[in-house]
Amino acid sequence: MKILKYWKVILTIVLVFAAGFVTGSVLTFVHFKRAFERGFTVENYNAMTMQFLHQELKLTPEQEPKVRAIVEESGRQFGQTFGQAVRVSGTNLVESWRRIDQVLTPGQRVIYHQKCEDFSEKVKKGLKIDLPPEPWQKAQR
């Protein structure tokens, strides 16, 4: 077994590749998380759009306020429609929770309720969006 003579070299190569994989994965996750959070505000959308248009189209001083007004108006419209879509999606999600809840055993419900509440908290904390109350919370109140 000639290959076993070089076990230290093989182990070093494997460790280098593993370290590169882990580092790359973590950096990719952090980058996309940050980009996702930045992209979810109308203000960031407006600023990035104006920066892009200014750089690529070389807007004149007369064009910039007109274009900015258009971008800000479309940003407001996007924010309103996006907010409405999120509210409707949240309502649909909670309705599916209610329907799933009806199929579960009492033991499964305890776990399921906790998972749904944890998800709601993450959405509230991360995206600053309130989902409708869970159906079992309505019954408890």
N, C-alpha and C. Protein backbone atom coordinates (compact mmCIF):
# COMPACT_ATOMS: atom_id res chain seq x y z
N MET A 1 0.84 -1.17 0.00
CA MET A 1 0.00 0.00 0.00
C MET A 1 0.89 1.24 0.00
N LYS A 2 1.29 1.61 -1.17
CA LYS A 2 2.17 2.75 -1.34
C LYS A 2 1.48 4.06 -1.00
N ILE A 3 0.15 4.12 -1.21
CA ILE A 3 -0.60 5.36 -0.96
C ILE A 3 -0.62 5.73 0.52
N LEU A 4 -0.55 4.75 1.39
CA LEU A 4 -0.57 5.03 2.83
C LEU A 4 0.71 5.71 3.30
N LYS A 5 1.77 5.63 2.50
CA LYS A 5 3.00 6.32 2.86
C LYS A 5 2.80 7.83 2.83
N TYR A 6 1.82 8.29 2.04
CA TYR A 6 1.59 9.71 1.86
C TYR A 6 0.34 10.19 2.58
N TRP A 7 -0.01 9.55 3.67
CA TRP A 7 -1.25 9.88 4.37
C TRP A 7 -1.27 11.31 4.88
N LYS A 8 -0.14 11.85 5.27
CA LYS A 8 -0.10 13.23 5.77
C LYS A 8 -0.40 14.22 4.65
N VAL A 9 0.14 13.97 3.48
CA VAL A 9 -0.11 14.86 2.34
C VAL A 9 -1.58 14.78 1.95
N ILE A 10 -2.13 13.58 1.88
CA ILE A 10 -3.54 13.40 1.52
C ILE A 10 -4.44 14.07 2.54
N LEU A 11 -4.14 13.88 3.82
CA LEU A 11 -4.94 14.50 4.88
C LEU A 11 -4.87 16.02 4.79
N THR A 12 -3.70 16.57 4.52
CA THR A 12 -3.55 18.01 4.38
C THR A 12 -4.38 18.54 3.22
N ILE A 13 -4.35 17.86 2.09
CA ILE A 13 -5.12 18.29 0.92
C ILE A 13 -6.62 18.23 1.23
N VAL A 14 -7.06 17.16 1.87
CA VAL A 14 -8.48 17.03 2.22
C VAL A 14 -8.88 18.15 3.18
N LEU A 15 -8.06 18.44 4.17
CA LEU A 15 -8.38 19.50 5.13
C LEU A 15 -8.42 20.88 4.46
N VAL A 16 -7.53 21.13 3.53
CA VAL A 16 -7.53 22.41 2.82
C VAL A 16 -8.82 22.57 2.02
N PHE A 17 -9.21 21.52 1.30
CA PHE A 17 -10.46 21.59 0.53
C PHE A 17 -11.67 21.73 1.45
N ALA A 18 -11.68 21.02 2.57
CA ALA A 18 -12.80 21.12 3.51
C ALA A 18 -12.89 22.53 4.09
N ALA A 19 -11.74 23.10 4.46
CA ALA A 19 -11.74 24.46 5.01
C ALA A 19 -12.23 25.46 3.96
N GLY A 20 -11.83 25.29 2.72
CA GLY A 20 -12.29 26.18 1.65
C GLY A 20 -13.79 26.05 1.42
N PHE A 21 -14.29 24.83 1.49
CA PHE A 21 -15.73 24.60 1.31
C PHE A 21 -16.53 25.27 2.43
N VAL A 22 -16.10 25.07 3.66
CA VAL A 22 -16.81 25.66 4.80
C VAL A 22 -16.75 27.19 4.74
N THR A 23 -15.58 27.73 4.49
CA THR A 23 -15.43 29.19 4.40
C THR A 23 -16.29 29.76 3.29
N GLY A 24 -16.25 29.15 2.13
CA GLY A 24 -17.06 29.61 1.01
C GLY A 24 -18.55 29.54 1.31
N SER A 25 -18.99 28.48 1.96
CA SER A 25 -20.41 28.33 2.30
C SER A 25 -20.86 29.41 3.27
N VAL A 26 -20.07 29.66 4.29
CA VAL A 26 -20.42 30.67 5.29
C VAL A 26 -20.45 32.06 4.66
N LEU A 27 -19.44 32.40 3.88
CA LEU A 27 -19.40 33.71 3.25
C LEU A 27 -20.55 33.90 2.26
N THR A 28 -20.89 32.86 1.52
CA THR A 28 -22.03 32.94 0.60
C THR A 28 -23.32 33.17 1.36
N PHE A 29 -23.52 32.43 2.44
CA PHE A 29 -24.73 32.59 3.24
C PHE A 29 -24.84 34.01 3.79
N VAL A 30 -23.75 34.53 4.35
CA VAL A 30 -23.75 35.89 4.92
C VAL A 30 -24.01 36.92 3.83
N HIS A 31 -23.38 36.75 2.68
CA HIS A 31 -23.57 37.70 1.58
C HIS A 31 -25.02 37.73 1.12
N PHE A 32 -25.60 36.57 0.87
CA PHE A 32 -26.98 36.54 0.37
C PHE A 32 -27.97 36.99 1.43
N LYS A 33 -27.71 36.70 2.68
CA LYS A 33 -28.60 37.16 3.75
C LYS A 33 -28.60 38.69 3.79
N ARG A 34 -27.41 39.27 3.75
CA ARG A 34 -27.29 40.73 3.78
C ARG A 34 -27.94 41.36 2.55
N ALA A 35 -27.71 40.79 1.37
CA ALA A 35 -28.31 41.32 0.14
C ALA A 35 -29.83 41.20 0.18
N PHE A 36 -30.34 40.11 0.72
CA PHE A 36 -31.78 39.91 0.82
C PHE A 36 -32.39 40.95 1.76
N GLU A 37 -31.75 41.19 2.90
CA GLU A 37 -32.27 42.17 3.85
C GLU A 37 -32.24 43.58 3.28
N ARG A 38 -31.16 43.92 2.57
CA ARG A 38 -31.06 45.25 1.97
C ARG A 38 -32.09 45.45 0.86
N GLY A 39 -32.35 44.42 0.10
CA GLY A 39 -33.25 44.54 -1.03
C GLY A 39 -34.71 44.60 -0.67
N PHE A 40 -35.05 44.41 0.59
CA PHE A 40 -36.45 44.35 0.98
C PHE A 40 -37.02 45.69 1.43
N THR A 41 -36.30 46.78 1.21
CA THR A 41 -36.86 48.07 1.58
C THR A 41 -37.01 48.93 0.33
N VAL A 42 -38.05 49.72 0.30
CA VAL A 42 -38.31 50.60 -0.84
C VAL A 42 -37.19 51.61 -0.97
N GLU A 43 -36.69 52.12 0.15
CA GLU A 43 -35.63 53.12 0.11
C GLU A 43 -34.38 52.57 -0.57
N ASN A 44 -34.01 51.34 -0.23
CA ASN A 44 -32.84 50.73 -0.86
C ASN A 44 -33.07 50.50 -2.34
N TYR A 45 -34.28 50.06 -2.68
CA TYR A 45 -34.61 49.87 -4.10
C TYR A 45 -34.47 51.19 -4.85
N ASN A 46 -35.04 52.26 -4.30
CA ASN A 46 -34.96 53.57 -4.95
C ASN A 46 -33.51 54.03 -5.11
N ALA A 47 -32.74 53.90 -4.06
CA ALA A 47 -31.35 54.35 -4.11
C ALA A 47 -30.54 53.54 -5.12
N MET A 48 -30.71 52.23 -5.12
CA MET A 48 -29.95 51.39 -6.06
C MET A 48 -30.38 51.66 -7.50
N THR A 49 -31.68 51.85 -7.71
CA THR A 49 -32.16 52.14 -9.06
C THR A 49 -31.62 53.47 -9.56
N MET A 50 -31.67 54.48 -8.72
CA MET A 50 -31.15 55.79 -9.13
C MET A 50 -29.65 55.73 -9.39
N GLN A 51 -28.93 55.02 -8.56
CA GLN A 51 -27.49 54.89 -8.76
C GLN A 51 -27.20 54.20 -10.11
N PHE A 52 -27.93 53.13 -10.38
CA PHE A 52 -27.76 52.41 -11.64
C PHE A 52 -28.09 53.32 -12.84
N LEU A 53 -29.23 53.99 -12.78
CA LEU A 53 -29.64 54.86 -13.89
C LEU A 53 -28.65 56.01 -14.09
N HIS A 54 -28.19 56.58 -12.99
CA HIS A 54 -27.24 57.69 -13.08
C HIS A 54 -25.93 57.24 -13.72
N GLN A 55 -25.42 56.09 -13.28
CA GLN A 55 -24.14 55.59 -13.80
C GLN A 55 -24.25 55.14 -15.25
N GLU A 56 -25.30 54.38 -15.56
CA GLU A 56 -25.40 53.78 -16.88
C GLU A 56 -25.90 54.75 -17.95
N LEU A 57 -26.81 55.64 -17.56
CA LEU A 57 -27.43 56.52 -18.54
C LEU A 57 -26.88 57.94 -18.53
N LYS A 58 -26.04 58.22 -17.52
CA LYS A 58 -25.45 59.57 -17.41
C LYS A 58 -26.56 60.63 -17.45
N LEU A 59 -27.48 60.54 -16.50
CA LEU A 59 -28.62 61.46 -16.47
C LEU A 59 -28.14 62.90 -16.34
N THR A 60 -28.84 63.77 -17.01
CA THR A 60 -28.53 65.20 -16.93
C THR A 60 -29.18 65.77 -15.66
N PRO A 61 -28.75 66.93 -15.21
CA PRO A 61 -29.37 67.54 -14.03
C PRO A 61 -30.87 67.80 -14.21
N GLU A 62 -31.30 68.03 -15.44
CA GLU A 62 -32.73 68.24 -15.69
C GLU A 62 -33.51 66.92 -15.62
N GLN A 63 -32.88 65.83 -16.04
CA GLN A 63 -33.56 64.54 -16.06
C GLN A 63 -33.65 63.90 -14.66
N GLU A 64 -32.64 64.13 -13.84
CA GLU A 64 -32.55 63.42 -12.57
C GLU A 64 -33.78 63.60 -11.67
N PRO A 65 -34.28 64.83 -11.42
CA PRO A 65 -35.45 64.95 -10.55
C PRO A 65 -36.71 64.29 -11.15
N LYS A 66 -36.85 64.34 -12.46
CA LYS A 66 -38.00 63.71 -13.11
C LYS A 66 -37.93 62.19 -12.98
N VAL A 67 -36.75 61.64 -13.23
CA VAL A 67 -36.57 60.20 -13.12
C VAL A 67 -36.72 59.76 -11.67
N ARG A 68 -36.16 60.53 -10.74
CA ARG A 68 -36.27 60.21 -9.31
C ARG A 68 -37.74 60.16 -8.88
N ALA A 69 -38.55 61.10 -9.35
CA ALA A 69 -39.98 61.11 -9.00
C ALA A 69 -40.66 59.85 -9.50
N ILE A 70 -40.31 59.43 -10.71
CA ILE A 70 -40.90 58.21 -11.27
C ILE A 70 -40.47 56.99 -10.46
N VAL A 71 -39.19 56.91 -10.14
CA VAL A 71 -38.66 55.77 -9.37
C VAL A 71 -39.31 55.73 -7.98
N GLU A 72 -39.44 56.88 -7.33
CA GLU A 72 -40.04 56.91 -6.00
C GLU A 72 -41.52 56.51 -6.04
N GLU A 73 -42.24 56.96 -7.06
CA GLU A 73 -43.65 56.59 -7.20
C GLU A 73 -43.79 55.09 -7.42
N SER A 74 -42.97 54.54 -8.31
CA SER A 74 -43.06 53.10 -8.56
C SER A 74 -42.62 52.32 -7.32
N GLY A 75 -41.66 52.86 -6.57
CA GLY A 75 -41.25 52.22 -5.32
C GLY A 75 -42.38 52.19 -4.30
N ARG A 76 -43.12 53.29 -4.18
CA ARG A 76 -44.28 53.32 -3.27
C ARG A 76 -45.33 52.29 -3.71
N GLN A 77 -45.59 52.25 -5.01
CA GLN A 77 -46.57 51.29 -5.52
C GLN A 77 -46.12 49.86 -5.26
N PHE A 78 -44.84 49.61 -5.50
CA PHE A 78 -44.30 48.27 -5.25
C PHE A 78 -44.44 47.92 -3.77
N GLY A 79 -44.10 48.86 -2.90
CA GLY A 79 -44.20 48.62 -1.47
C GLY A 79 -45.61 48.29 -1.04
N GLN A 80 -46.58 49.01 -1.60
CA GLN A 80 -47.99 48.74 -1.26
C GLN A 80 -48.44 47.38 -1.76
N THR A 81 -48.14 47.06 -3.02
CA THR A 81 -48.58 45.79 -3.57
C THR A 81 -47.83 44.62 -2.93
N PHE A 82 -46.56 44.83 -2.64
CA PHE A 82 -45.78 43.78 -1.99
C PHE A 82 -46.33 43.53 -0.58
N GLY A 83 -46.62 44.61 0.15
CA GLY A 83 -47.18 44.46 1.48
C GLY A 83 -48.51 43.73 1.46
N GLN A 84 -49.34 44.04 0.46
CA GLN A 84 -50.63 43.37 0.32
C GLN A 84 -50.41 41.89 0.01
N ALA A 85 -49.48 41.59 -0.87
CA ALA A 85 -49.19 40.19 -1.22
C ALA A 85 -48.69 39.42 -0.01
N VAL A 86 -47.85 40.05 0.80
CA VAL A 86 -47.34 39.38 2.00
C VAL A 86 -48.47 39.11 2.99
N ARG A 87 -49.37 40.08 3.16
CA ARG A 87 -50.50 39.87 4.08
C ARG A 87 -51.39 38.73 3.61
N VAL A 88 -51.69 38.69 2.32
CA VAL A 88 -52.53 37.61 1.78
C VAL A 88 -51.81 36.27 1.92
N SER A 89 -50.52 36.25 1.62
CA SER A 89 -49.75 35.01 1.76
C SER A 89 -49.72 34.54 3.20
N GLY A 90 -49.56 35.49 4.13
CA GLY A 90 -49.57 35.13 5.55
C GLY A 90 -50.89 34.54 5.97
N THR A 91 -51.99 35.12 5.48
CA THR A 91 -53.32 34.59 5.79
C THR A 91 -53.47 33.18 5.23
N ASN A 92 -53.00 32.97 4.00
CA ASN A 92 -53.07 31.64 3.39
C ASN A 92 -52.24 30.63 4.18
N LEU A 93 -51.07 31.04 4.62
CA LEU A 93 -50.20 30.16 5.39
C LEU A 93 -50.87 29.75 6.69
N VAL A 94 -51.41 30.71 7.42
CA VAL A 94 -52.04 30.41 8.70
C VAL A 94 -53.29 29.54 8.49
N GLU A 95 -54.01 29.75 7.41
CA GLU A 95 -55.16 28.89 7.09
C GLU A 95 -54.71 27.45 6.85
N SER A 96 -53.57 27.28 6.17
CA SER A 96 -53.06 25.92 5.97
C SER A 96 -52.66 25.29 7.31
N TRP A 97 -52.14 26.11 8.23
CA TRP A 97 -51.81 25.60 9.57
C TRP A 97 -53.06 25.08 10.26
N ARG A 98 -54.17 25.82 10.12
CA ARG A 98 -55.42 25.41 10.75
C ARG A 98 -55.88 24.08 10.18
N ARG A 99 -55.79 23.92 8.88
CA ARG A 99 -56.24 22.69 8.24
C ARG A 99 -55.36 21.51 8.62
N ILE A 100 -54.05 21.72 8.68
CA ILE A 100 -53.12 20.66 9.10
C ILE A 100 -53.39 20.29 10.55
N ASP A 101 -53.65 21.28 11.39
CA ASP A 101 -53.90 21.07 12.81
C ASP A 101 -55.06 20.09 13.04
N GLN A 102 -56.05 20.13 12.17
CA GLN A 102 -57.22 19.26 12.31
C GLN A 102 -56.89 17.80 12.06
N VAL A 103 -55.81 17.52 11.36
CA VAL A 103 -55.44 16.15 11.01
C VAL A 103 -54.53 15.52 12.07
N LEU A 104 -53.88 16.33 12.87
CA LEU A 104 -52.84 15.85 13.79
C LEU A 104 -53.42 15.27 15.08
N THR A 105 -52.61 14.41 15.71
CA THR A 105 -52.96 13.89 17.03
C THR A 105 -52.63 14.95 18.07
N PRO A 106 -53.16 14.83 19.29
CA PRO A 106 -52.84 15.83 20.33
C PRO A 106 -51.33 15.98 20.58
N GLY A 107 -50.61 14.87 20.58
CA GLY A 107 -49.16 14.94 20.78
C GLY A 107 -48.46 15.67 19.65
N GLN A 108 -48.89 15.42 18.43
CA GLN A 108 -48.30 16.09 17.26
C GLN A 108 -48.65 17.58 17.27
N ARG A 109 -49.83 17.91 17.74
CA ARG A 109 -50.27 19.31 17.76
C ARG A 109 -49.35 20.17 18.64
N VAL A 110 -48.94 19.63 19.77
CA VAL A 110 -48.07 20.40 20.67
C VAL A 110 -46.79 20.79 19.94
N ILE A 111 -46.18 19.82 19.27
CA ILE A 111 -44.94 20.08 18.53
C ILE A 111 -45.22 21.03 17.38
N TYR A 112 -46.28 20.79 16.65
CA TYR A 112 -46.63 21.60 15.48
C TYR A 112 -46.91 23.05 15.86
N HIS A 113 -47.65 23.24 16.93
CA HIS A 113 -47.96 24.61 17.39
C HIS A 113 -46.67 25.35 17.72
N GLN A 114 -45.74 24.66 18.39
CA GLN A 114 -44.49 25.31 18.76
C GLN A 114 -43.69 25.68 17.51
N LYS A 115 -43.63 24.80 16.54
CA LYS A 115 -42.89 25.07 15.30
C LYS A 115 -43.52 26.26 14.55
N CYS A 116 -44.83 26.30 14.49
CA CYS A 116 -45.51 27.40 13.80
C CYS A 116 -45.27 28.72 14.53
N GLU A 117 -45.32 28.70 15.85
CA GLU A 117 -45.08 29.92 16.62
C GLU A 117 -43.63 30.38 16.47
N ASP A 118 -42.69 29.43 16.44
CA ASP A 118 -41.28 29.78 16.21
C ASP A 118 -41.11 30.43 14.85
N PHE A 119 -41.77 29.88 13.83
CA PHE A 119 -41.70 30.45 12.48
C PHE A 119 -42.27 31.86 12.47
N SER A 120 -43.41 32.04 13.12
CA SER A 120 -44.03 33.38 13.17
C SER A 120 -43.10 34.39 13.81
N GLU A 121 -42.43 33.99 14.88
CA GLU A 121 -41.48 34.88 15.56
C GLU A 121 -40.29 35.23 14.67
N LYS A 122 -39.79 34.25 13.93
CA LYS A 122 -38.66 34.51 13.02
C LYS A 122 -39.08 35.49 11.92
N VAL A 123 -40.27 35.31 11.39
CA VAL A 123 -40.76 36.22 10.34
C VAL A 123 -40.91 37.62 10.91
N LYS A 124 -41.46 37.70 12.13
CA LYS A 124 -41.67 39.00 12.76
C LYS A 124 -40.33 39.68 13.04
N LYS A 125 -39.37 38.92 13.53
CA LYS A 125 -38.07 39.48 13.88
C LYS A 125 -37.24 39.80 12.63
N GLY A 126 -37.18 38.85 11.69
CA GLY A 126 -36.32 39.01 10.52
C GLY A 126 -36.87 39.94 9.47
N LEU A 127 -38.15 39.78 9.13
CA LEU A 127 -38.74 40.59 8.07
C LEU A 127 -39.62 41.70 8.61
N LYS A 128 -39.82 41.70 9.92
CA LYS A 128 -40.67 42.71 10.57
C LYS A 128 -42.09 42.69 9.98
N ILE A 129 -42.60 41.47 9.81
CA ILE A 129 -43.95 41.26 9.29
C ILE A 129 -44.72 40.45 10.32
N ASP A 130 -45.91 40.91 10.65
CA ASP A 130 -46.78 40.16 11.56
C ASP A 130 -47.69 39.26 10.76
N LEU A 131 -47.62 37.96 11.03
CA LEU A 131 -48.57 37.03 10.44
C LEU A 131 -49.86 37.09 11.25
N PRO A 132 -50.97 36.68 10.64
CA PRO A 132 -52.21 36.60 11.44
C PRO A 132 -51.99 35.63 12.60
N PRO A 133 -52.77 35.77 13.68
CA PRO A 133 -52.58 34.86 14.81
C PRO A 133 -52.88 33.42 14.40
N GLU A 134 -52.16 32.50 15.03
CA GLU A 134 -52.39 31.09 14.76
C GLU A 134 -53.82 30.74 15.17
N PRO A 135 -54.48 29.83 14.46
CA PRO A 135 -55.88 29.52 14.75
C PRO A 135 -56.11 29.00 16.17
N TRP A 136 -55.15 28.25 16.71
CA TRP A 136 -55.32 27.72 18.06
C TRP A 136 -55.17 28.81 19.11
N GLN A 137 -54.51 29.92 18.78
CA GLN A 137 -54.43 31.04 19.72
C GLN A 137 -55.77 31.74 19.83
N LYS A 138 -56.53 31.81 18.74
CA LYS A 138 -57.86 32.41 18.79
C LYS A 138 -58.76 31.63 19.73
N ALA A 139 -58.64 30.31 19.67
CA ALA A 139 -59.50 29.47 20.50
C ALA A 139 -59.12 29.59 21.96
N GLN A 140 -57.85 29.85 22.25
CA GLN A 140 -57.40 29.93 23.65
C GLN A 140 -57.80 31.24 24.30
N ARG A 141 -58.05 32.29 23.51
CA ARG A 141 -58.34 33.62 24.06
C ARG A 141 -59.77 33.79 24.42
